[in-house]
Amino acid sequence: MADLVNKDKQSKVDKFINTTPKSSAKRDQPASSPDLSSPSSQQVEKQAKLKEFETSQSHDNNDNHNHNHSPHAEHILAKSIENGTVFKLSEVVCATLNNQAFINTIIPMITEKIMDQVKPKIIEIVDDRIQPYIDTITQNKDALILQEAELKKKRRNKIPRIPKIQARQDINVTDLDISLLGFETPVRKDRNANGGGITMCYKSFINIIRRVDLKHDQVESMWFELKTRLRSILININYRSERQSSVYFWEYYDMMLKRALDENSSIICLGDLNKKFMSVIPSNTRDIIFINGLINIIDKPTHFDTRSGNTSLLDPILVTDSTPVVDKDTIPIDRGISDHDGTYVTIDCGFTSSRTYKRTIWDYKNGDFDLMNQKVLGTD
């Protein structure tokens, strides 16, 4: 193949030389000039022609070859333009970066854009990480609520309550009629008329005695002294009929309180006083309660008028601030039995009790979340 190319090339050279016109004119040559017709001159001419032909061929080949590539000069020019453009752009960038007003404007925009994209991811990651701890806190809170409820229930069962019974009792009502299972024989104060009367019921393990020396003959009232491991507490049970003068009742009531406070600062007063304690209390009643250091701890209605639908608080529990109150509330009563709800107060009598609780606490910190995710993904 190389021989064929060389032969073809040689034939083209010979053809070029033979077809080239020669001048018939003769020029005077210097003596030292070689003869153009000499073999050496012909050889030089042939070589020159060959060089010119090769150069021409090379240019033709380069022209064909550079259809897809820029000439060297164009390349240099393009490179120069490119460098100039880069230089100009670099000047613009530097001038922009040196513009503090532009920087102050663009940086917050960039930051806001980044935060809009990153913030949801951060929230998602934080939620995933913190959710186990929130679940643990919720479980612990629920457990504490259950524990508190059980403790309250236990206190109600073991710490003595002082219930008040509004009974329409007289001599025709026997002790058996008003006795409570598990309680001692009721201590009662009857009224020789239709309606009224008060009763005190207590359990045998309660150290309680009646204090007749503290009562007032003009008031339907009984006083008791409860002795506990921590202190003694005076308990007063009252009933004020609607027909009894409110002015006289509270005067007598003030006398009883002052006599009781002379020997003991811990006092609990129970009873139906037929005074609306959720409304505005008359100043004489309010002053007697305030001066003797009593406060009402019941804040719900206890009387329900079935005819008008009105409700009122007629059965307060008044205590001095030194009385160790643990719990207090109302006791719902069937409206077919009474139009009053009951009330109760629980006090700290010095009894101690302890109880342990067992519950499962998940250690989320050391959990295998990868395994959990696999199991979740594998669950239909």
Foldseek 3Di string as FASTA:
>chain_A
DVVVVVVVLVVVLVVVVVPDDDDPDDDDDDPPDDDCPDPVNVVVVSVVSSVVVVVVVVVVVVVVVCVVPDDPVVVVVVVVVVVVVVVVVVVVVVVQVVPVVNCVVVVVVVVVVVCVVCVVVVVVVVCVVCVLVVVLVVVVVVVVVVVVVVVVVVLPVPFWKKWKDFDQDDPVQDQVNVDDPQWDRWDWDHDPDGGGIIITITHPVWPKDWDPVLADPVFRKTWMWTAFPVGIEIEMEGEDDPPDDPVVHLVRVLSSLVVVCVVDQWYKYWYQHVAFPQDDGDPSNVCSCVVSQKDWPEDDFFAADPVPRDTGNRITIITHPVFAWDDKYWADDPVVVDRGIIIITGGCRPDDDDDDDDDDRDPPVPDDVVVVVVVVVVDD
